[in-house]
Amino acid sequence: MSADLSKPVSEMTPQEIAEGSAQAMWSGDSASRRLGMSLERVAPGEARLSMTITEAMSNGHGNCHGGYMFILADSAFAFACNSYNQAAVAQHCSISFLIPGRIGDRLTAEAREVSRKGRSGLYDIRITNQNGEHVAEFRGHSRVVKGVHLPVEG
């Protein structure tokens, strides 16, 4: 991802806006970066992030603590719903755990937009492991708030 941020937003393609918005967010997202997440892909209404589960992320059962899976999905959700150069926040989120994540697993969260109307958005995020197994399903409802990620001229 390397959007040309020297161009005015009005001259950027939707993909460049998504990439520029992601670059701006990623630079301030110390939680995702410090957990070792990788932002692999972003497009309008979509994002893919991955993270390797460490022993420090395990629960009392020796599996990935659900909170770490939630934060991975929530980060993918954030990059997807903020891909239009409009600040958006989570209004409601839920997650269903299907199989355990294990120490050493590389989990990938793939976010896709289901609906975006007015200030509200709906996003589904699927978490899979390195074997392609469906680990969890997350649904996020977003709300656009004041602010942009890239300066708008005029």
N, C-alpha and C. Protein backbone atom coordinates (compact mmCIF):
# COMPACT_ATOMS: atom_id res chain seq x y z
N MET A 1 0.83 -1.18 0.00
CA MET A 1 0.00 0.00 0.00
C MET A 1 0.87 1.24 0.00
N SER A 2 0.70 2.03 -1.01
CA SER A 2 1.46 3.27 -1.03
C SER A 2 0.72 4.30 -1.89
N ALA A 3 -0.34 4.83 -1.33
CA ALA A 3 -1.10 5.86 -2.04
C ALA A 3 -0.24 7.11 -2.16
N ASP A 4 -0.40 7.81 -3.27
CA ASP A 4 0.30 9.07 -3.51
C ASP A 4 -0.44 10.16 -2.75
N LEU A 5 0.04 10.48 -1.55
CA LEU A 5 -0.64 11.45 -0.70
C LEU A 5 -0.35 12.89 -1.09
N SER A 6 0.45 13.09 -2.14
CA SER A 6 0.71 14.45 -2.60
C SER A 6 -0.43 14.95 -3.49
N LYS A 7 -1.25 14.04 -4.00
CA LYS A 7 -2.39 14.42 -4.83
C LYS A 7 -3.54 14.92 -3.96
N PRO A 8 -4.30 15.89 -4.46
CA PRO A 8 -5.50 16.29 -3.71
C PRO A 8 -6.50 15.12 -3.67
N VAL A 9 -7.25 15.02 -2.61
CA VAL A 9 -8.23 13.94 -2.46
C VAL A 9 -9.19 13.93 -3.64
N SER A 10 -9.54 15.08 -4.15
CA SER A 10 -10.50 15.16 -5.27
C SER A 10 -9.96 14.50 -6.54
N GLU A 11 -8.64 14.29 -6.62
CA GLU A 11 -8.03 13.65 -7.80
C GLU A 11 -7.65 12.20 -7.54
N MET A 12 -7.92 11.69 -6.36
CA MET A 12 -7.59 10.31 -6.01
C MET A 12 -8.69 9.36 -6.44
N THR A 13 -8.30 8.15 -6.79
CA THR A 13 -9.28 7.09 -7.06
C THR A 13 -9.82 6.58 -5.73
N PRO A 14 -10.94 5.87 -5.73
CA PRO A 14 -11.43 5.27 -4.48
C PRO A 14 -10.39 4.36 -3.82
N GLN A 15 -9.61 3.63 -4.61
CA GLN A 15 -8.58 2.76 -4.05
C GLN A 15 -7.49 3.60 -3.38
N GLU A 16 -7.08 4.70 -4.02
CA GLU A 16 -6.06 5.57 -3.42
C GLU A 16 -6.57 6.20 -2.13
N ILE A 17 -7.84 6.57 -2.09
CA ILE A 17 -8.43 7.13 -0.87
C ILE A 17 -8.42 6.08 0.23
N ALA A 18 -8.80 4.84 -0.11
CA ALA A 18 -8.79 3.76 0.88
C ALA A 18 -7.37 3.54 1.42
N GLU A 19 -6.39 3.48 0.52
CA GLU A 19 -5.01 3.26 0.94
C GLU A 19 -4.47 4.43 1.75
N GLY A 20 -4.78 5.66 1.33
CA GLY A 20 -4.33 6.83 2.07
C GLY A 20 -4.96 6.90 3.46
N SER A 21 -6.24 6.60 3.54
CA SER A 21 -6.94 6.58 4.84
C SER A 21 -6.30 5.52 5.74
N ALA A 22 -6.00 4.35 5.18
CA ALA A 22 -5.37 3.28 5.96
C ALA A 22 -3.98 3.68 6.43
N GLN A 23 -3.20 4.32 5.56
CA GLN A 23 -1.86 4.77 5.97
C GLN A 23 -1.96 5.75 7.14
N ALA A 24 -2.90 6.68 7.06
CA ALA A 24 -3.07 7.67 8.12
C ALA A 24 -3.49 6.99 9.43
N MET A 25 -4.40 6.04 9.34
CA MET A 25 -4.85 5.34 10.55
C MET A 25 -3.76 4.45 11.13
N TRP A 26 -3.06 3.70 10.25
CA TRP A 26 -2.05 2.75 10.71
C TRP A 26 -0.95 3.44 11.51
N SER A 27 -0.57 4.64 11.08
CA SER A 27 0.50 5.35 11.77
C SER A 27 0.13 5.67 13.22
N GLY A 28 -1.14 5.81 13.52
CA GLY A 28 -1.56 6.10 14.89
C GLY A 28 -2.11 4.90 15.64
N ASP A 29 -2.15 3.73 15.01
CA ASP A 29 -2.76 2.54 15.61
C ASP A 29 -1.71 1.70 16.34
N SER A 30 -1.30 2.17 17.51
CA SER A 30 -0.26 1.44 18.23
C SER A 30 -0.76 0.09 18.74
N ALA A 31 -2.04 -0.05 19.04
CA ALA A 31 -2.56 -1.33 19.54
C ALA A 31 -2.36 -2.43 18.50
N SER A 32 -2.79 -2.20 17.27
CA SER A 32 -2.65 -3.22 16.22
C SER A 32 -1.18 -3.50 15.92
N ARG A 33 -0.39 -2.45 15.83
CA ARG A 33 1.03 -2.64 15.52
C ARG A 33 1.75 -3.39 16.63
N ARG A 34 1.49 -3.04 17.90
CA ARG A 34 2.19 -3.67 19.03
C ARG A 34 1.78 -5.12 19.23
N LEU A 35 0.61 -5.49 18.73
CA LEU A 35 0.19 -6.89 18.80
C LEU A 35 0.75 -7.70 17.63
N GLY A 36 1.50 -7.05 16.77
CA GLY A 36 2.13 -7.75 15.65
C GLY A 36 1.23 -7.96 14.46
N MET A 37 0.17 -7.19 14.36
CA MET A 37 -0.73 -7.32 13.22
C MET A 37 -0.07 -6.79 11.96
N SER A 38 -0.47 -7.36 10.84
CA SER A 38 -0.05 -6.89 9.53
C SER A 38 -1.28 -6.45 8.77
N LEU A 39 -1.24 -5.25 8.23
CA LEU A 39 -2.30 -4.76 7.36
C LEU A 39 -1.93 -5.21 5.95
N GLU A 40 -2.61 -6.21 5.46
CA GLU A 40 -2.24 -6.84 4.19
C GLU A 40 -2.92 -6.24 2.98
N ARG A 41 -4.14 -5.76 3.18
CA ARG A 41 -4.90 -5.27 2.03
C ARG A 41 -6.00 -4.34 2.52
N VAL A 42 -6.24 -3.30 1.74
CA VAL A 42 -7.39 -2.44 1.99
C VAL A 42 -7.94 -2.01 0.63
N ALA A 43 -9.24 -1.86 0.57
CA ALA A 43 -9.96 -1.38 -0.60
C ALA A 43 -11.22 -0.72 -0.08
N PRO A 44 -11.95 0.01 -0.91
CA PRO A 44 -13.18 0.63 -0.41
C PRO A 44 -14.11 -0.41 0.22
N GLY A 45 -14.36 -0.26 1.51
CA GLY A 45 -15.26 -1.16 2.24
C GLY A 45 -14.67 -2.51 2.59
N GLU A 46 -13.38 -2.69 2.41
CA GLU A 46 -12.75 -3.99 2.67
C GLU A 46 -11.39 -3.81 3.33
N ALA A 47 -10.99 -4.83 4.09
CA ALA A 47 -9.65 -4.84 4.68
C ALA A 47 -9.30 -6.26 5.09
N ARG A 48 -7.99 -6.55 5.09
CA ARG A 48 -7.50 -7.84 5.57
C ARG A 48 -6.29 -7.59 6.45
N LEU A 49 -6.37 -8.11 7.68
CA LEU A 49 -5.27 -8.04 8.63
C LEU A 49 -4.98 -9.44 9.14
N SER A 50 -3.74 -9.67 9.54
CA SER A 50 -3.39 -10.97 10.11
C SER A 50 -2.50 -10.77 11.33
N MET A 51 -2.43 -11.84 12.15
CA MET A 51 -1.68 -11.79 13.40
C MET A 51 -1.34 -13.22 13.82
N THR A 52 -0.14 -13.42 14.32
CA THR A 52 0.26 -14.72 14.85
C THR A 52 -0.02 -14.77 16.35
N ILE A 53 -0.65 -15.84 16.80
CA ILE A 53 -1.01 -16.00 18.21
C ILE A 53 0.23 -16.45 18.99
N THR A 54 0.54 -15.67 20.01
CA THR A 54 1.70 -15.97 20.87
C THR A 54 1.22 -16.57 22.19
N GLU A 55 2.16 -17.11 22.95
CA GLU A 55 1.82 -17.67 24.26
C GLU A 55 1.21 -16.60 25.17
N ALA A 56 1.67 -15.36 25.03
CA ALA A 56 1.13 -14.27 25.86
C ALA A 56 -0.35 -14.01 25.56
N MET A 57 -0.86 -14.51 24.44
CA MET A 57 -2.26 -14.31 24.05
C MET A 57 -3.13 -15.49 24.44
N SER A 58 -2.58 -16.47 25.19
CA SER A 58 -3.35 -17.68 25.51
C SER A 58 -4.17 -17.49 26.78
N ASN A 59 -5.25 -18.28 26.85
CA ASN A 59 -6.13 -18.26 28.03
C ASN A 59 -5.84 -19.48 28.91
N GLY A 60 -6.66 -19.72 29.90
CA GLY A 60 -6.48 -20.82 30.83
C GLY A 60 -6.65 -22.19 30.20
N HIS A 61 -7.20 -22.26 29.00
CA HIS A 61 -7.35 -23.53 28.28
C HIS A 61 -6.18 -23.79 27.33
N GLY A 62 -5.24 -22.84 27.25
CA GLY A 62 -4.11 -22.99 26.35
C GLY A 62 -4.44 -22.61 24.91
N ASN A 63 -5.58 -21.96 24.72
CA ASN A 63 -6.00 -21.50 23.40
C ASN A 63 -5.86 -19.98 23.33
N CYS A 64 -6.08 -19.44 22.15
CA CYS A 64 -6.08 -17.99 21.99
C CYS A 64 -7.24 -17.40 22.80
N HIS A 65 -6.95 -16.44 23.63
CA HIS A 65 -8.00 -15.72 24.36
C HIS A 65 -8.91 -15.04 23.35
N GLY A 66 -10.20 -15.15 23.53
CA GLY A 66 -11.17 -14.58 22.59
C GLY A 66 -11.01 -13.09 22.38
N GLY A 67 -10.52 -12.39 23.39
CA GLY A 67 -10.33 -10.96 23.26
C GLY A 67 -9.33 -10.59 22.17
N TYR A 68 -8.34 -11.44 21.97
CA TYR A 68 -7.35 -11.17 20.91
C TYR A 68 -7.95 -11.41 19.53
N MET A 69 -8.83 -12.41 19.42
CA MET A 69 -9.52 -12.60 18.14
C MET A 69 -10.46 -11.43 17.88
N PHE A 70 -11.11 -10.95 18.93
CA PHE A 70 -12.00 -9.80 18.79
C PHE A 70 -11.23 -8.58 18.31
N ILE A 71 -10.07 -8.31 18.91
CA ILE A 71 -9.31 -7.12 18.53
C ILE A 71 -8.80 -7.22 17.09
N LEU A 72 -8.43 -8.43 16.64
CA LEU A 72 -8.01 -8.60 15.25
C LEU A 72 -9.17 -8.29 14.31
N ALA A 73 -10.34 -8.85 14.60
CA ALA A 73 -11.52 -8.58 13.76
C ALA A 73 -11.92 -7.11 13.84
N ASP A 74 -11.86 -6.53 15.02
CA ASP A 74 -12.23 -5.13 15.20
C ASP A 74 -11.29 -4.21 14.42
N SER A 75 -10.02 -4.56 14.35
CA SER A 75 -9.07 -3.75 13.58
C SER A 75 -9.38 -3.85 12.09
N ALA A 76 -9.68 -5.05 11.59
CA ALA A 76 -10.06 -5.19 10.18
C ALA A 76 -11.33 -4.39 9.89
N PHE A 77 -12.28 -4.47 10.79
CA PHE A 77 -13.53 -3.70 10.69
C PHE A 77 -13.21 -2.20 10.61
N ALA A 78 -12.33 -1.73 11.47
CA ALA A 78 -11.99 -0.30 11.49
C ALA A 78 -11.40 0.16 10.17
N PHE A 79 -10.48 -0.61 9.62
CA PHE A 79 -9.86 -0.20 8.35
C PHE A 79 -10.86 -0.26 7.20
N ALA A 80 -11.78 -1.21 7.23
CA ALA A 80 -12.79 -1.29 6.17
C ALA A 80 -13.77 -0.12 6.24
N CYS A 81 -14.28 0.18 7.42
CA CYS A 81 -15.31 1.23 7.50
C CYS A 81 -14.73 2.64 7.46
N ASN A 82 -13.40 2.77 7.59
CA ASN A 82 -12.76 4.08 7.47
C ASN A 82 -12.10 4.29 6.11
N SER A 83 -12.43 3.47 5.15
CA SER A 83 -11.74 3.49 3.85
C SER A 83 -12.28 4.53 2.87
N TYR A 84 -13.20 5.38 3.31
CA TYR A 84 -13.80 6.39 2.43
C TYR A 84 -13.37 7.81 2.80
N ASN A 85 -12.33 7.95 3.61
CA ASN A 85 -11.88 9.24 4.11
C ASN A 85 -12.95 9.95 4.94
N GLN A 86 -13.71 9.15 5.65
CA GLN A 86 -14.65 9.67 6.64
C GLN A 86 -14.36 8.93 7.94
N ALA A 87 -14.23 9.66 9.02
CA ALA A 87 -14.00 9.01 10.31
C ALA A 87 -15.23 8.21 10.68
N ALA A 88 -15.03 6.94 11.03
CA ALA A 88 -16.12 6.06 11.42
C ALA A 88 -15.70 5.30 12.67
N VAL A 89 -16.64 5.06 13.55
CA VAL A 89 -16.38 4.32 14.79
C VAL A 89 -17.37 3.16 14.90
N ALA A 90 -17.04 2.24 15.78
CA ALA A 90 -17.92 1.11 16.04
C ALA A 90 -19.11 1.57 16.87
N GLN A 91 -20.28 1.16 16.44
CA GLN A 91 -21.50 1.44 17.19
C GLN A 91 -21.93 0.19 17.95
N HIS A 92 -21.72 -0.96 17.34
CA HIS A 92 -22.06 -2.24 17.97
C HIS A 92 -21.26 -3.34 17.27
N CYS A 93 -20.76 -4.31 18.03
CA CYS A 93 -20.02 -5.43 17.47
C CYS A 93 -20.40 -6.70 18.21
N SER A 94 -20.35 -7.82 17.48
CA SER A 94 -20.54 -9.11 18.12
C SER A 94 -19.64 -10.12 17.43
N ILE A 95 -19.30 -11.19 18.16
CA ILE A 95 -18.43 -12.21 17.61
C ILE A 95 -18.94 -13.58 18.03
N SER A 96 -18.81 -14.53 17.13
CA SER A 96 -19.11 -15.93 17.42
C SER A 96 -17.84 -16.72 17.18
N PHE A 97 -17.41 -17.47 18.19
CA PHE A 97 -16.21 -18.29 18.09
C PHE A 97 -16.63 -19.68 17.62
N LEU A 98 -15.99 -20.17 16.58
CA LEU A 98 -16.37 -21.45 15.98
C LEU A 98 -15.42 -22.58 16.36
N ILE A 99 -14.12 -22.33 16.30
CA ILE A 99 -13.11 -23.28 16.77
C ILE A 99 -12.02 -22.49 17.48
N PRO A 100 -11.26 -23.13 18.35
CA PRO A 100 -10.21 -22.39 19.06
C PRO A 100 -9.07 -21.97 18.14
N GLY A 101 -8.53 -20.81 18.43
CA GLY A 101 -7.26 -20.41 17.87
C GLY A 101 -6.18 -21.00 18.76
N ARG A 102 -5.09 -21.43 18.18
CA ARG A 102 -4.02 -22.08 18.94
C ARG A 102 -2.76 -21.23 18.93
N ILE A 103 -1.94 -21.41 19.94
CA ILE A 103 -0.65 -20.74 19.98
C ILE A 103 0.12 -21.13 18.72
N GLY A 104 0.64 -20.12 18.03
CA GLY A 104 1.38 -20.34 16.79
C GLY A 104 0.53 -20.18 15.54
N ASP A 105 -0.80 -20.18 15.69
CA ASP A 105 -1.67 -19.98 14.53
C ASP A 105 -1.48 -18.59 13.95
N ARG A 106 -1.56 -18.50 12.64
CA ARG A 106 -1.59 -17.21 11.95
C ARG A 106 -3.04 -16.98 11.58
N LEU A 107 -3.69 -16.05 12.29
CA LEU A 107 -5.10 -15.75 12.06
C LEU A 107 -5.22 -14.58 11.10
N THR A 108 -6.16 -14.67 10.20
CA THR A 108 -6.43 -13.62 9.22
C THR A 108 -7.88 -13.19 9.36
N ALA A 109 -8.09 -11.88 9.45
CA ALA A 109 -9.43 -11.30 9.51
C ALA A 109 -9.70 -10.58 8.20
N GLU A 110 -10.73 -11.02 7.51
CA GLU A 110 -11.11 -10.45 6.21
C GLU A 110 -12.45 -9.73 6.40
N ALA A 111 -12.41 -8.40 6.24
CA ALA A 111 -13.62 -7.58 6.44
C ALA A 111 -14.22 -7.21 5.09
N ARG A 112 -15.56 -7.28 5.03
CA ARG A 112 -16.26 -6.84 3.81
C ARG A 112 -17.52 -6.09 4.21
N GLU A 113 -17.77 -5.07 3.44
CA GLU A 113 -18.93 -4.23 3.67
C GLU A 113 -20.19 -4.95 3.19
N VAL A 114 -21.21 -4.95 4.04
CA VAL A 114 -22.51 -5.53 3.69
C VAL A 114 -23.46 -4.42 3.24
N SER A 115 -23.42 -3.29 3.96
CA SER A 115 -24.31 -2.17 3.66
C SER A 115 -23.69 -0.89 4.18
N ARG A 116 -23.89 0.19 3.44
CA ARG A 116 -23.42 1.52 3.86
C ARG A 116 -24.45 2.53 3.38
N LYS A 117 -25.23 3.06 4.30
CA LYS A 117 -26.30 4.02 3.99
C LYS A 117 -26.22 5.18 4.98
N GLY A 118 -26.17 6.39 4.45
CA GLY A 118 -26.10 7.56 5.34
C GLY A 118 -24.86 7.47 6.22
N ARG A 119 -25.07 7.56 7.51
CA ARG A 119 -23.94 7.52 8.45
C ARG A 119 -23.71 6.12 9.03
N SER A 120 -24.50 5.13 8.62
CA SER A 120 -24.42 3.78 9.20
C SER A 120 -23.85 2.78 8.21
N GLY A 121 -23.07 1.83 8.74
CA GLY A 121 -22.52 0.77 7.93
C GLY A 121 -22.62 -0.56 8.65
N LEU A 122 -22.62 -1.62 7.87
CA LEU A 122 -22.68 -2.98 8.41
C LEU A 122 -21.57 -3.79 7.73
N TYR A 123 -20.75 -4.46 8.54
CA TYR A 123 -19.58 -5.18 8.03
C TYR A 123 -19.51 -6.57 8.64
N ASP A 124 -19.17 -7.54 7.81
CA ASP A 124 -18.92 -8.90 8.27
C ASP A 124 -17.42 -9.17 8.17
N ILE A 125 -16.88 -9.77 9.22
CA ILE A 125 -15.46 -10.08 9.28
C ILE A 125 -15.31 -11.55 9.60
N ARG A 126 -14.65 -12.27 8.72
CA ARG A 126 -14.40 -13.70 8.89
C ARG A 126 -12.95 -13.88 9.32
N ILE A 127 -12.74 -14.64 10.39
CA ILE A 127 -11.39 -14.98 10.83
C ILE A 127 -11.12 -16.42 10.46
N THR A 128 -9.99 -16.63 9.79
CA THR A 128 -9.55 -17.98 9.44
C THR A 128 -8.13 -18.18 9.94
N ASN A 129 -7.73 -19.45 10.04
CA ASN A 129 -6.35 -19.74 10.42
C ASN A 129 -5.53 -20.06 9.18
N GLN A 130 -4.27 -20.40 9.38
CA GLN A 130 -3.36 -20.65 8.27
C GLN A 130 -3.77 -21.85 7.42
N ASN A 131 -4.67 -22.69 7.93
CA ASN A 131 -5.16 -23.84 7.17
C ASN A 131 -6.48 -23.55 6.45
N GLY A 132 -6.93 -22.29 6.54
CA GLY A 132 -8.19 -21.91 5.91
C GLY A 132 -9.42 -22.28 6.72
N GLU A 133 -9.22 -22.75 7.96
CA GLU A 133 -10.36 -23.12 8.80
C GLU A 133 -11.03 -21.86 9.34
N HIS A 134 -12.34 -21.88 9.35
CA HIS A 134 -13.16 -20.76 9.82
C HIS A 134 -13.14 -20.77 11.35
N VAL A 135 -12.48 -19.79 11.94
CA VAL A 135 -12.26 -19.74 13.38
C VAL A 135 -13.35 -18.92 14.09
N ALA A 136 -13.74 -17.78 13.51
CA ALA A 136 -14.73 -16.91 14.16
C ALA A 136 -15.40 -16.03 13.11
N GLU A 137 -16.56 -15.53 13.48
CA GLU A 137 -17.33 -14.61 12.63
C GLU A 137 -17.70 -13.40 13.47
N PHE A 138 -17.41 -12.23 12.96
CA PHE A 138 -17.62 -10.96 13.66
C PHE A 138 -18.53 -10.10 12.80
N ARG A 139 -19.46 -9.41 13.41
CA ARG A 139 -20.30 -8.44 12.70
C ARG A 139 -20.17 -7.10 13.40
N GLY A 140 -19.89 -6.06 12.62
CA GLY A 140 -19.73 -4.73 13.17
C GLY A 140 -20.66 -3.73 12.52
N HIS A 141 -21.24 -2.89 13.34
CA HIS A 141 -22.08 -1.78 12.88
C HIS A 141 -21.28 -0.49 13.11
N SER A 142 -21.11 0.28 12.06
CA SER A 142 -20.30 1.50 12.17
C SER A 142 -21.18 2.74 12.11
N ARG A 143 -20.60 3.82 12.56
CA ARG A 143 -21.26 5.12 12.51
C ARG A 143 -20.23 6.16 12.10
N VAL A 144 -20.52 6.92 11.05
CA VAL A 144 -19.64 7.99 10.61
C VAL A 144 -19.77 9.16 11.59
N VAL A 145 -18.62 9.70 11.98
CA VAL A 145 -18.57 10.85 12.89
C VAL A 145 -17.82 11.97 12.18
N LYS A 146 -17.66 13.10 12.84
CA LYS A 146 -16.94 14.22 12.23
C LYS A 146 -15.47 13.87 12.07
N GLY A 147 -14.90 14.30 10.95
CA GLY A 147 -13.48 14.15 10.73
C GLY A 147 -13.15 13.35 9.50
N VAL A 148 -11.93 13.57 9.00
CA VAL A 148 -11.40 12.87 7.83
C VAL A 148 -9.99 12.41 8.15
N HIS A 149 -9.46 11.51 7.34
CA HIS A 149 -8.11 11.01 7.52
C HIS A 149 -7.11 11.75 6.64
N LEU A 150 -7.58 12.17 5.48
CA LEU A 150 -6.76 12.91 4.52
C LEU A 150 -7.31 14.31 4.39
N PRO A 151 -6.46 15.32 4.35
CA PRO A 151 -6.96 16.69 4.25
C PRO A 151 -7.74 16.91 2.95
N VAL A 152 -8.87 17.56 3.08
CA VAL A 152 -9.71 17.87 1.93
C VAL A 152 -9.50 19.33 1.60
N GLU A 153 -9.16 19.60 0.34
CA GLU A 153 -8.91 20.98 -0.08
C GLU A 153 -10.23 21.77 -0.16
N GLY A 154 -10.08 23.06 -0.07
CA GLY A 154 -11.25 23.92 -0.26
C GLY A 154 -11.74 24.46 0.97
